[in-house]
Amino acid sequence: MAEGKGNSGWIERLGDEDMAFVKRFVLASGSLKALAEVYGVSYPTIRLRLDRLIEKVRIIDEMQITDELERQARMLMADGRIDGAALRALLAAHRKDLERHSEDNSDNS
């Protein structure tokens, strides 16, 4: 099954740490138990890491998100670096800023 053109963009957006995880996951034949042993952590820790990576790929692949700041903020949340409240606050502030700039530009026309 071939992917459509442009669907590989998600892999190019992953950081080195995520790429290393994907490589180890593939080399472990998808075994989370084996991967947990490689990393020296518990199965639930590896499962959480994989779930976060899956969410990052979904966010990257989401065509409706065209704003790079929103995409990056959502990736930070998927990575566990910010919580939902912080994400909502950042996006609300960003949207206000975008609206302000849009109004300024329409006033200057």
N, C-alpha and C. Protein backbone atom coordinates (compact mmCIF):
# COMPACT_ATOMS: atom_id res chain seq x y z
N MET A 1 0.84 -1.17 0.00
CA MET A 1 0.00 0.00 0.00
C MET A 1 0.89 1.24 0.00
N ALA A 2 0.83 2.01 -1.04
CA ALA A 2 1.66 3.20 -1.15
C ALA A 2 0.96 4.39 -0.53
N GLU A 3 1.72 5.18 0.15
CA GLU A 3 1.20 6.42 0.73
C GLU A 3 1.17 7.47 -0.36
N GLY A 4 0.25 8.42 -0.23
CA GLY A 4 0.17 9.51 -1.19
C GLY A 4 1.37 10.42 -1.06
N LYS A 5 1.61 11.19 -2.10
CA LYS A 5 2.73 12.12 -2.10
C LYS A 5 2.55 13.14 -0.98
N GLY A 6 3.62 13.39 -0.24
CA GLY A 6 3.57 14.37 0.83
C GLY A 6 3.26 13.78 2.19
N ASN A 7 2.86 12.53 2.26
CA ASN A 7 2.53 11.92 3.54
C ASN A 7 3.75 11.57 4.37
N SER A 8 4.95 11.68 3.80
CA SER A 8 6.15 11.38 4.57
C SER A 8 6.65 12.59 5.34
N GLY A 9 5.99 13.73 5.19
CA GLY A 9 6.42 14.94 5.87
C GLY A 9 6.49 14.80 7.38
N TRP A 10 5.65 13.95 7.95
CA TRP A 10 5.65 13.77 9.40
C TRP A 10 7.00 13.26 9.89
N ILE A 11 7.62 12.38 9.14
CA ILE A 11 8.88 11.80 9.59
C ILE A 11 10.01 12.84 9.58
N GLU A 12 9.91 13.78 8.65
CA GLU A 12 10.92 14.83 8.56
C GLU A 12 10.80 15.83 9.70
N ARG A 13 9.65 15.89 10.34
CA ARG A 13 9.42 16.85 11.42
C ARG A 13 9.75 16.29 12.80
N LEU A 14 10.03 15.00 12.88
CA LEU A 14 10.38 14.41 14.17
C LEU A 14 11.80 14.79 14.55
N GLY A 15 12.01 14.98 15.84
CA GLY A 15 13.34 15.31 16.33
C GLY A 15 14.21 14.06 16.37
N ASP A 16 15.49 14.28 16.67
CA ASP A 16 16.45 13.17 16.72
C ASP A 16 16.05 12.11 17.75
N GLU A 17 15.58 12.55 18.90
CA GLU A 17 15.19 11.61 19.95
C GLU A 17 14.01 10.74 19.51
N ASP A 18 13.03 11.35 18.86
CA ASP A 18 11.89 10.59 18.35
C ASP A 18 12.31 9.63 17.24
N MET A 19 13.20 10.07 16.37
CA MET A 19 13.68 9.20 15.29
C MET A 19 14.44 8.00 15.85
N ALA A 20 15.25 8.25 16.89
CA ALA A 20 15.98 7.15 17.53
C ALA A 20 14.99 6.15 18.14
N PHE A 21 13.92 6.65 18.72
CA PHE A 21 12.90 5.78 19.30
C PHE A 21 12.24 4.94 18.21
N VAL A 22 11.87 5.58 17.10
CA VAL A 22 11.24 4.85 15.99
C VAL A 22 12.19 3.76 15.48
N LYS A 23 13.46 4.10 15.33
CA LYS A 23 14.44 3.11 14.84
C LYS A 23 14.53 1.93 15.80
N ARG A 24 14.63 2.22 17.09
CA ARG A 24 14.72 1.13 18.07
C ARG A 24 13.43 0.31 18.09
N PHE A 25 12.30 0.97 17.93
CA PHE A 25 11.01 0.28 17.89
C PHE A 25 10.98 -0.70 16.72
N VAL A 26 11.43 -0.26 15.56
CA VAL A 26 11.46 -1.13 14.38
C VAL A 26 12.45 -2.27 14.60
N LEU A 27 13.64 -1.96 15.12
CA LEU A 27 14.64 -3.01 15.35
C LEU A 27 14.19 -4.02 16.40
N ALA A 28 13.28 -3.60 17.30
CA ALA A 28 12.73 -4.51 18.29
C ALA A 28 11.49 -5.23 17.75
N SER A 29 11.27 -5.12 16.46
CA SER A 29 10.12 -5.74 15.78
C SER A 29 8.79 -5.31 16.39
N GLY A 30 8.75 -4.08 16.90
CA GLY A 30 7.52 -3.57 17.47
C GLY A 30 7.19 -4.07 18.86
N SER A 31 8.12 -4.79 19.46
CA SER A 31 7.88 -5.32 20.81
C SER A 31 8.17 -4.26 21.86
N LEU A 32 7.11 -3.83 22.53
CA LEU A 32 7.30 -2.82 23.58
C LEU A 32 8.07 -3.40 24.76
N LYS A 33 7.90 -4.67 25.02
CA LYS A 33 8.64 -5.32 26.10
C LYS A 33 10.14 -5.28 25.81
N ALA A 34 10.52 -5.63 24.58
CA ALA A 34 11.93 -5.60 24.19
C ALA A 34 12.46 -4.17 24.22
N LEU A 35 11.65 -3.22 23.79
CA LEU A 35 12.05 -1.82 23.78
C LEU A 35 12.24 -1.29 25.20
N ALA A 36 11.38 -1.71 26.11
CA ALA A 36 11.52 -1.32 27.51
C ALA A 36 12.85 -1.82 28.07
N GLU A 37 13.24 -3.01 27.68
CA GLU A 37 14.52 -3.57 28.13
C GLU A 37 15.69 -2.77 27.56
N VAL A 38 15.60 -2.40 26.29
CA VAL A 38 16.66 -1.60 25.65
C VAL A 38 16.84 -0.28 26.37
N TYR A 39 15.73 0.37 26.71
CA TYR A 39 15.79 1.68 27.39
C TYR A 39 15.99 1.55 28.90
N GLY A 40 15.79 0.34 29.43
CA GLY A 40 15.95 0.14 30.87
C GLY A 40 14.83 0.78 31.67
N VAL A 41 13.62 0.75 31.11
CA VAL A 41 12.46 1.33 31.78
C VAL A 41 11.33 0.31 31.78
N SER A 42 10.23 0.65 32.45
CA SER A 42 9.09 -0.27 32.52
C SER A 42 8.26 -0.23 31.24
N TYR A 43 7.46 -1.25 31.06
CA TYR A 43 6.55 -1.33 29.91
C TYR A 43 5.61 -0.12 29.88
N PRO A 44 4.97 0.25 31.01
CA PRO A 44 4.08 1.43 30.96
C PRO A 44 4.79 2.72 30.54
N THR A 45 6.06 2.86 30.89
CA THR A 45 6.83 4.04 30.49
C THR A 45 7.02 4.06 28.98
N ILE A 46 7.35 2.91 28.40
CA ILE A 46 7.51 2.81 26.94
C ILE A 46 6.17 3.02 26.25
N ARG A 47 5.11 2.47 26.81
CA ARG A 47 3.77 2.63 26.23
C ARG A 47 3.39 4.11 26.18
N LEU A 48 3.68 4.84 27.27
CA LEU A 48 3.40 6.28 27.32
C LEU A 48 4.22 7.02 26.27
N ARG A 49 5.49 6.66 26.14
CA ARG A 49 6.37 7.28 25.14
C ARG A 49 5.83 7.06 23.74
N LEU A 50 5.39 5.84 23.46
CA LEU A 50 4.83 5.52 22.15
C LEU A 50 3.52 6.28 21.91
N ASP A 51 2.66 6.33 22.93
CA ASP A 51 1.40 7.06 22.80
C ASP A 51 1.65 8.54 22.49
N ARG A 52 2.65 9.12 23.15
CA ARG A 52 2.98 10.52 22.90
C ARG A 52 3.52 10.71 21.47
N LEU A 53 4.32 9.76 21.02
CA LEU A 53 4.85 9.84 19.66
C LEU A 53 3.72 9.70 18.63
N ILE A 54 2.80 8.79 18.88
CA ILE A 54 1.64 8.62 18.00
C ILE A 54 0.86 9.93 17.91
N GLU A 55 0.65 10.58 19.05
CA GLU A 55 -0.09 11.85 19.06
C GLU A 55 0.67 12.92 18.29
N LYS A 56 2.00 12.95 18.42
CA LYS A 56 2.79 13.92 17.67
C LYS A 56 2.65 13.70 16.17
N VAL A 57 2.68 12.45 15.73
CA VAL A 57 2.54 12.14 14.31
C VAL A 57 1.16 12.57 13.82
N ARG A 58 0.13 12.33 14.63
CA ARG A 58 -1.22 12.76 14.25
C ARG A 58 -1.28 14.27 14.10
N ILE A 59 -0.66 14.98 15.02
CA ILE A 59 -0.67 16.45 14.97
C ILE A 59 0.08 16.94 13.74
N ILE A 60 1.23 16.36 13.48
CA ILE A 60 2.02 16.76 12.31
C ILE A 60 1.23 16.48 11.03
N ASP A 61 0.57 15.35 11.00
CA ASP A 61 -0.15 14.90 9.81
C ASP A 61 -1.49 15.61 9.61
N GLU A 62 -1.99 16.24 10.66
CA GLU A 62 -3.29 16.91 10.60
C GLU A 62 -3.24 18.07 9.63
N MET A 63 -3.92 17.94 8.53
CA MET A 63 -3.88 18.95 7.49
C MET A 63 -4.62 20.23 7.88
N GLN A 64 -5.55 20.13 8.83
CA GLN A 64 -6.33 21.30 9.21
C GLN A 64 -5.50 22.29 10.02
N ILE A 65 -4.44 21.84 10.63
CA ILE A 65 -3.59 22.74 11.41
C ILE A 65 -2.56 23.34 10.46
N THR A 66 -2.81 24.57 10.06
CA THR A 66 -1.91 25.23 9.12
C THR A 66 -0.99 26.21 9.82
N ASP A 67 -1.29 26.53 11.08
CA ASP A 67 -0.50 27.49 11.83
C ASP A 67 0.66 26.76 12.52
N GLU A 68 1.87 27.16 12.22
CA GLU A 68 3.04 26.46 12.77
C GLU A 68 3.12 26.58 14.28
N LEU A 69 2.75 27.74 14.85
CA LEU A 69 2.79 27.87 16.31
C LEU A 69 1.81 26.90 16.96
N GLU A 70 0.62 26.78 16.40
CA GLU A 70 -0.36 25.84 16.96
C GLU A 70 0.17 24.40 16.87
N ARG A 71 0.74 24.06 15.73
CA ARG A 71 1.27 22.70 15.56
C ARG A 71 2.37 22.42 16.60
N GLN A 72 3.28 23.37 16.78
CA GLN A 72 4.37 23.19 17.73
C GLN A 72 3.85 23.09 19.17
N ALA A 73 2.88 23.94 19.51
CA ALA A 73 2.31 23.91 20.86
C ALA A 73 1.61 22.57 21.12
N ARG A 74 0.88 22.10 20.12
CA ARG A 74 0.20 20.80 20.28
C ARG A 74 1.21 19.66 20.39
N MET A 75 2.34 19.78 19.71
CA MET A 75 3.38 18.76 19.82
C MET A 75 4.01 18.79 21.21
N LEU A 76 4.18 19.98 21.77
CA LEU A 76 4.71 20.09 23.14
C LEU A 76 3.76 19.42 24.13
N MET A 77 2.47 19.59 23.92
CA MET A 77 1.51 18.94 24.79
C MET A 77 1.56 17.43 24.61
N ALA A 78 1.64 16.98 23.38
CA ALA A 78 1.72 15.54 23.11
C ALA A 78 2.97 14.94 23.75
N ASP A 79 4.01 15.75 23.82
CA ASP A 79 5.28 15.31 24.40
C ASP A 79 5.27 15.39 25.93
N GLY A 80 4.20 15.95 26.50
CA GLY A 80 4.10 16.06 27.95
C GLY A 80 4.86 17.26 28.52
N ARG A 81 5.28 18.18 27.66
CA ARG A 81 6.06 19.33 28.12
C ARG A 81 5.18 20.47 28.62
N ILE A 82 3.93 20.54 28.12
CA ILE A 82 2.95 21.49 28.64
C ILE A 82 1.63 20.75 28.81
N ASP A 83 0.76 21.29 29.68
CA ASP A 83 -0.53 20.64 29.90
C ASP A 83 -1.61 21.30 29.05
N GLY A 84 -2.81 20.76 29.12
CA GLY A 84 -3.91 21.26 28.32
C GLY A 84 -4.25 22.71 28.60
N ALA A 85 -4.19 23.10 29.87
CA ALA A 85 -4.49 24.49 30.23
C ALA A 85 -3.48 25.45 29.60
N ALA A 86 -2.22 25.08 29.63
CA ALA A 86 -1.18 25.92 29.03
C ALA A 86 -1.37 26.00 27.52
N LEU A 87 -1.72 24.89 26.91
CA LEU A 87 -1.97 24.89 25.45
C LEU A 87 -3.12 25.83 25.11
N ARG A 88 -4.22 25.72 25.83
CA ARG A 88 -5.37 26.58 25.56
C ARG A 88 -5.01 28.05 25.74
N ALA A 89 -4.24 28.37 26.78
CA ALA A 89 -3.86 29.76 27.03
C ALA A 89 -2.96 30.29 25.91
N LEU A 90 -1.99 29.48 25.48
CA LEU A 90 -1.11 29.89 24.40
C LEU A 90 -1.87 30.12 23.10
N LEU A 91 -2.76 29.19 22.77
CA LEU A 91 -3.52 29.31 21.53
C LEU A 91 -4.48 30.49 21.56
N ALA A 92 -5.10 30.74 22.71
CA ALA A 92 -6.00 31.89 22.83
C ALA A 92 -5.23 33.19 22.64
N ALA A 93 -4.06 33.30 23.26
CA ALA A 93 -3.25 34.50 23.12
C ALA A 93 -2.78 34.66 21.68
N HIS A 94 -2.41 33.58 21.05
CA HIS A 94 -1.94 33.62 19.67
C HIS A 94 -3.07 34.06 18.73
N ARG A 95 -4.26 33.51 18.94
CA ARG A 95 -5.40 33.89 18.10
C ARG A 95 -5.74 35.37 18.26
N LYS A 96 -5.69 35.87 19.50
CA LYS A 96 -5.93 37.30 19.72
C LYS A 96 -4.91 38.14 18.96
N ASP A 97 -3.66 37.71 19.03
CA ASP A 97 -2.60 38.43 18.33
C ASP A 97 -2.83 38.41 16.82
N LEU A 98 -3.22 37.27 16.29
CA LEU A 98 -3.51 37.16 14.86
C LEU A 98 -4.67 38.07 14.47
N GLU A 99 -5.71 38.10 15.30
CA GLU A 99 -6.86 38.96 15.02
C GLU A 99 -6.45 40.43 15.04
N ARG A 100 -5.63 40.80 16.01
CA ARG A 100 -5.16 42.18 16.12
C ARG A 100 -4.37 42.57 14.87
N HIS A 101 -3.48 41.70 14.43
CA HIS A 101 -2.69 41.98 13.22
C HIS A 101 -3.58 42.06 11.98
N SER A 102 -4.59 41.20 11.93
CA SER A 102 -5.51 41.21 10.79
C SER A 102 -6.30 42.51 10.76
N GLU A 103 -6.75 42.97 11.93
CA GLU A 103 -7.48 44.24 12.01
C GLU A 103 -6.58 45.40 11.63
N ASP A 104 -5.33 45.38 12.10
CA ASP A 104 -4.37 46.45 11.76
C ASP A 104 -4.14 46.51 10.26
N ASN A 105 -4.02 45.36 9.64
CA ASN A 105 -3.79 45.30 8.19
C ASN A 105 -5.00 45.78 7.41
N SER A 106 -6.21 45.47 7.89
CA SER A 106 -7.40 45.92 7.17
C SER A 106 -7.62 47.42 7.36
N ASP A 107 -7.18 47.97 8.49
CA ASP A 107 -7.27 49.41 8.71
C ASP A 107 -6.32 50.18 7.80
N ASN A 108 -5.21 49.57 7.46
CA ASN A 108 -4.20 50.22 6.62
C ASN A 108 -4.51 50.10 5.13
N SER A 109 -5.55 49.35 4.78
CA SER A 109 -5.87 49.17 3.35
C SER A 109 -6.70 50.29 2.80
